[in-house]
Amino acid sequence: MCHHSVCVIQNVFERAGLTTIAVTMRPDITEGTRPVRALYHRFPLGYPMGEANKPDQQRTILRNTLAKIADFEAPGRIIDMPYRWRRM
């Protein structure tokens, strides 16, 4: 799904009272869509939660992603997470 579409859907869910957080690998694109909450993971497109077949890594990243929801005071902020793709 494209970065812009994620932010559009995120805004619809937020207006319905659901808390959301977007994960982006292209903050330059996401920034222009004014996400409510977004995290930047420095991974290749298609791998927002880490490497394939590494469930422990993916669970850790997902838990840390959800825990970051409380760190947002104002909409539009993109937090740069410490994750880096090691195989690049």
N, C-alpha and C. Protein backbone atom coordinates (compact mmCIF):
# COMPACT_ATOMS: atom_id res chain seq x y z
N MET A 1 0.85 -1.16 0.00
CA MET A 1 0.00 0.00 0.00
C MET A 1 0.90 1.23 0.00
N CYS A 2 0.52 2.23 -0.72
CA CYS A 2 1.37 3.43 -0.81
C CYS A 2 1.29 4.25 0.47
N HIS A 3 2.32 5.02 0.73
CA HIS A 3 2.42 5.82 1.95
C HIS A 3 1.26 6.80 2.07
N HIS A 4 0.88 7.41 0.97
CA HIS A 4 -0.21 8.38 0.99
C HIS A 4 -1.53 7.70 1.40
N SER A 5 -1.80 6.54 0.83
CA SER A 5 -3.04 5.82 1.15
C SER A 5 -3.11 5.46 2.62
N VAL A 6 -1.99 5.05 3.20
CA VAL A 6 -1.97 4.70 4.62
C VAL A 6 -2.39 5.89 5.46
N CYS A 7 -1.89 7.06 5.15
CA CYS A 7 -2.23 8.25 5.94
C CYS A 7 -3.68 8.65 5.75
N VAL A 8 -4.22 8.49 4.56
CA VAL A 8 -5.63 8.79 4.32
C VAL A 8 -6.50 7.86 5.16
N ILE A 9 -6.19 6.56 5.13
CA ILE A 9 -6.94 5.58 5.92
C ILE A 9 -6.76 5.85 7.41
N GLN A 10 -5.56 6.19 7.81
CA GLN A 10 -5.28 6.50 9.21
C GLN A 10 -6.19 7.64 9.69
N ASN A 11 -6.33 8.68 8.91
CA ASN A 11 -7.18 9.81 9.29
C ASN A 11 -8.64 9.40 9.41
N VAL A 12 -9.13 8.53 8.54
CA VAL A 12 -10.51 8.04 8.62
C VAL A 12 -10.71 7.27 9.93
N PHE A 13 -9.79 6.37 10.25
CA PHE A 13 -9.89 5.60 11.49
C PHE A 13 -9.84 6.51 12.72
N GLU A 14 -8.95 7.49 12.70
CA GLU A 14 -8.82 8.40 13.84
C GLU A 14 -10.11 9.19 14.05
N ARG A 15 -10.74 9.65 12.97
CA ARG A 15 -12.01 10.38 13.11
C ARG A 15 -13.10 9.49 13.70
N ALA A 16 -12.98 8.18 13.50
CA ALA A 16 -13.94 7.23 14.06
C ALA A 16 -13.60 6.86 15.51
N GLY A 17 -12.53 7.42 16.06
CA GLY A 17 -12.18 7.19 17.45
C GLY A 17 -11.16 6.09 17.69
N LEU A 18 -10.55 5.56 16.63
CA LEU A 18 -9.53 4.51 16.76
C LEU A 18 -8.14 5.14 16.75
N THR A 19 -7.28 4.71 17.65
CA THR A 19 -5.90 5.18 17.69
C THR A 19 -5.07 4.39 16.69
N THR A 20 -4.30 5.11 15.89
CA THR A 20 -3.49 4.46 14.85
C THR A 20 -2.05 4.97 14.91
N ILE A 21 -1.18 4.20 14.26
CA ILE A 21 0.20 4.63 14.07
C ILE A 21 0.66 4.06 12.72
N ALA A 22 1.25 4.88 11.91
CA ALA A 22 1.74 4.45 10.60
C ALA A 22 3.23 4.13 10.70
N VAL A 23 3.67 3.17 9.92
CA VAL A 23 5.09 2.85 9.81
C VAL A 23 5.51 3.20 8.39
N THR A 24 6.56 3.98 8.27
CA THR A 24 7.01 4.42 6.95
C THR A 24 8.48 4.06 6.71
N MET A 25 8.78 3.77 5.48
CA MET A 25 10.17 3.62 5.07
C MET A 25 10.58 4.80 4.19
N ARG A 26 9.62 5.70 3.94
CA ARG A 26 9.87 6.90 3.14
C ARG A 26 9.28 8.12 3.84
N PRO A 27 9.96 8.62 4.88
CA PRO A 27 9.41 9.74 5.63
C PRO A 27 9.23 10.99 4.78
N ASP A 28 10.02 11.13 3.72
CA ASP A 28 9.88 12.30 2.85
C ASP A 28 8.49 12.32 2.18
N ILE A 29 7.96 11.17 1.86
CA ILE A 29 6.62 11.09 1.27
C ILE A 29 5.57 11.22 2.37
N THR A 30 5.76 10.50 3.45
CA THR A 30 4.79 10.48 4.53
C THR A 30 4.60 11.87 5.14
N GLU A 31 5.67 12.63 5.25
CA GLU A 31 5.59 13.96 5.85
C GLU A 31 4.58 14.86 5.12
N GLY A 32 4.52 14.75 3.82
CA GLY A 32 3.60 15.57 3.04
C GLY A 32 2.14 15.20 3.20
N THR A 33 1.87 14.04 3.76
CA THR A 33 0.48 13.60 3.94
C THR A 33 -0.05 13.93 5.33
N ARG A 34 0.78 14.53 6.19
CA ARG A 34 0.41 14.90 7.56
C ARG A 34 -0.20 13.73 8.33
N PRO A 35 0.59 12.70 8.62
CA PRO A 35 0.06 11.57 9.38
C PRO A 35 -0.26 11.99 10.81
N VAL A 36 -1.18 11.30 11.42
CA VAL A 36 -1.49 11.58 12.83
C VAL A 36 -0.29 11.16 13.68
N ARG A 37 0.18 9.93 13.47
CA ARG A 37 1.37 9.40 14.14
C ARG A 37 2.09 8.53 13.15
N ALA A 38 3.41 8.65 13.09
CA ALA A 38 4.18 7.80 12.17
C ALA A 38 5.56 7.52 12.74
N LEU A 39 6.05 6.33 12.43
CA LEU A 39 7.40 5.92 12.81
C LEU A 39 8.18 5.61 11.55
N TYR A 40 9.42 6.00 11.53
CA TYR A 40 10.31 5.73 10.41
C TYR A 40 11.19 4.54 10.76
N HIS A 41 11.02 3.46 10.02
CA HIS A 41 11.88 2.28 10.14
C HIS A 41 12.78 2.27 8.91
N ARG A 42 14.07 2.23 9.10
CA ARG A 42 15.03 2.25 7.98
C ARG A 42 15.20 0.85 7.39
N PHE A 43 14.12 0.38 6.82
CA PHE A 43 14.09 -0.92 6.17
C PHE A 43 13.70 -0.73 4.71
N PRO A 44 13.98 -1.72 3.86
CA PRO A 44 13.54 -1.63 2.47
C PRO A 44 12.01 -1.71 2.39
N LEU A 45 11.47 -1.14 1.33
CA LEU A 45 10.02 -1.23 1.11
C LEU A 45 9.60 -2.70 1.13
N GLY A 46 8.46 -2.96 1.74
CA GLY A 46 7.95 -4.31 1.82
C GLY A 46 8.31 -5.05 3.09
N TYR A 47 9.17 -4.46 3.92
CA TYR A 47 9.60 -5.11 5.16
C TYR A 47 9.42 -4.16 6.35
N PRO A 48 8.21 -3.69 6.62
CA PRO A 48 8.03 -2.67 7.66
C PRO A 48 8.32 -3.16 9.08
N MET A 49 8.26 -4.45 9.31
CA MET A 49 8.51 -4.98 10.65
C MET A 49 9.77 -5.84 10.72
N GLY A 50 10.65 -5.71 9.75
CA GLY A 50 11.91 -6.44 9.80
C GLY A 50 12.00 -7.55 8.76
N GLU A 51 13.00 -8.36 8.93
CA GLU A 51 13.31 -9.40 7.95
C GLU A 51 12.29 -10.54 7.98
N ALA A 52 12.06 -11.13 6.82
CA ALA A 52 11.18 -12.29 6.71
C ALA A 52 11.76 -13.46 7.49
N ASN A 53 10.89 -14.29 8.02
CA ASN A 53 11.27 -15.50 8.75
C ASN A 53 12.08 -15.22 10.02
N LYS A 54 11.89 -14.04 10.60
CA LYS A 54 12.52 -13.70 11.88
C LYS A 54 11.43 -13.21 12.83
N PRO A 55 10.59 -14.16 13.30
CA PRO A 55 9.44 -13.75 14.11
C PRO A 55 9.80 -13.05 15.41
N ASP A 56 10.90 -13.41 16.05
CA ASP A 56 11.29 -12.74 17.29
C ASP A 56 11.61 -11.27 17.03
N GLN A 57 12.34 -11.01 15.96
CA GLN A 57 12.67 -9.64 15.57
C GLN A 57 11.39 -8.86 15.26
N GLN A 58 10.50 -9.47 14.50
CA GLN A 58 9.26 -8.80 14.11
C GLN A 58 8.38 -8.49 15.32
N ARG A 59 8.28 -9.43 16.27
CA ARG A 59 7.49 -9.20 17.48
C ARG A 59 8.07 -8.04 18.30
N THR A 60 9.38 -8.01 18.41
CA THR A 60 10.04 -6.93 19.16
C THR A 60 9.74 -5.59 18.52
N ILE A 61 9.89 -5.51 17.21
CA ILE A 61 9.64 -4.26 16.49
C ILE A 61 8.17 -3.86 16.62
N LEU A 62 7.26 -4.81 16.50
CA LEU A 62 5.83 -4.50 16.63
C LEU A 62 5.50 -4.00 18.03
N ARG A 63 6.02 -4.66 19.06
CA ARG A 63 5.77 -4.21 20.44
C ARG A 63 6.31 -2.79 20.66
N ASN A 64 7.52 -2.54 20.18
CA ASN A 64 8.11 -1.21 20.34
C ASN A 64 7.35 -0.15 19.55
N THR A 65 6.84 -0.54 18.40
CA THR A 65 6.04 0.37 17.58
C THR A 65 4.77 0.77 18.33
N LEU A 66 4.05 -0.20 18.87
CA LEU A 66 2.81 0.09 19.59
C LEU A 66 3.08 0.89 20.87
N ALA A 67 4.20 0.63 21.52
CA ALA A 67 4.55 1.37 22.74
C ALA A 67 4.81 2.84 22.47
N LYS A 68 5.19 3.19 21.26
CA LYS A 68 5.50 4.58 20.90
C LYS A 68 4.26 5.46 20.77
N ILE A 69 3.08 4.87 20.71
CA ILE A 69 1.85 5.66 20.54
C ILE A 69 1.77 6.75 21.60
N ALA A 70 2.15 6.45 22.81
CA ALA A 70 2.07 7.41 23.91
C ALA A 70 3.05 8.58 23.77
N ASP A 71 4.03 8.49 22.89
CA ASP A 71 5.05 9.53 22.74
C ASP A 71 4.62 10.70 21.85
N PHE A 72 3.44 10.63 21.28
CA PHE A 72 2.99 11.66 20.35
C PHE A 72 2.09 12.67 21.06
N GLU A 73 2.52 13.93 21.08
CA GLU A 73 1.70 14.99 21.68
C GLU A 73 0.89 15.74 20.63
N ALA A 74 1.42 15.82 19.42
CA ALA A 74 0.75 16.58 18.36
C ALA A 74 0.79 15.78 17.06
N PRO A 75 -0.23 15.93 16.23
CA PRO A 75 -0.25 15.20 14.96
C PRO A 75 0.83 15.71 14.00
N GLY A 76 1.22 14.83 13.09
CA GLY A 76 2.15 15.21 12.04
C GLY A 76 3.60 14.86 12.32
N ARG A 77 3.88 14.37 13.49
CA ARG A 77 5.27 14.05 13.84
C ARG A 77 5.64 12.66 13.32
N ILE A 78 6.89 12.51 12.88
CA ILE A 78 7.43 11.22 12.45
C ILE A 78 8.65 10.93 13.33
N ILE A 79 8.58 9.86 14.09
CA ILE A 79 9.69 9.49 14.98
C ILE A 79 10.60 8.51 14.24
N ASP A 80 11.90 8.81 14.25
CA ASP A 80 12.91 7.95 13.64
C ASP A 80 13.27 6.85 14.64
N MET A 81 12.94 5.62 14.29
CA MET A 81 13.23 4.49 15.18
C MET A 81 14.68 4.03 14.97
N PRO A 82 15.25 3.33 15.94
CA PRO A 82 16.66 2.97 15.87
C PRO A 82 16.97 1.75 14.98
N TYR A 83 15.97 1.19 14.35
CA TYR A 83 16.19 -0.03 13.56
C TYR A 83 16.89 0.28 12.24
N ARG A 84 17.82 -0.60 11.87
CA ARG A 84 18.54 -0.48 10.60
C ARG A 84 18.58 -1.85 9.93
N TRP A 85 18.42 -1.85 8.65
CA TRP A 85 18.48 -3.10 7.87
C TRP A 85 19.94 -3.50 7.75
N ARG A 86 20.28 -4.65 8.24
CA ARG A 86 21.68 -5.08 8.30
C ARG A 86 22.20 -5.66 6.98
N ARG A 87 21.31 -6.13 6.12
CA ARG A 87 21.75 -6.82 4.91
C ARG A 87 21.94 -5.90 3.71
N MET A 88 21.85 -4.59 3.89
CA MET A 88 21.99 -3.67 2.76
C MET A 88 23.45 -3.37 2.50
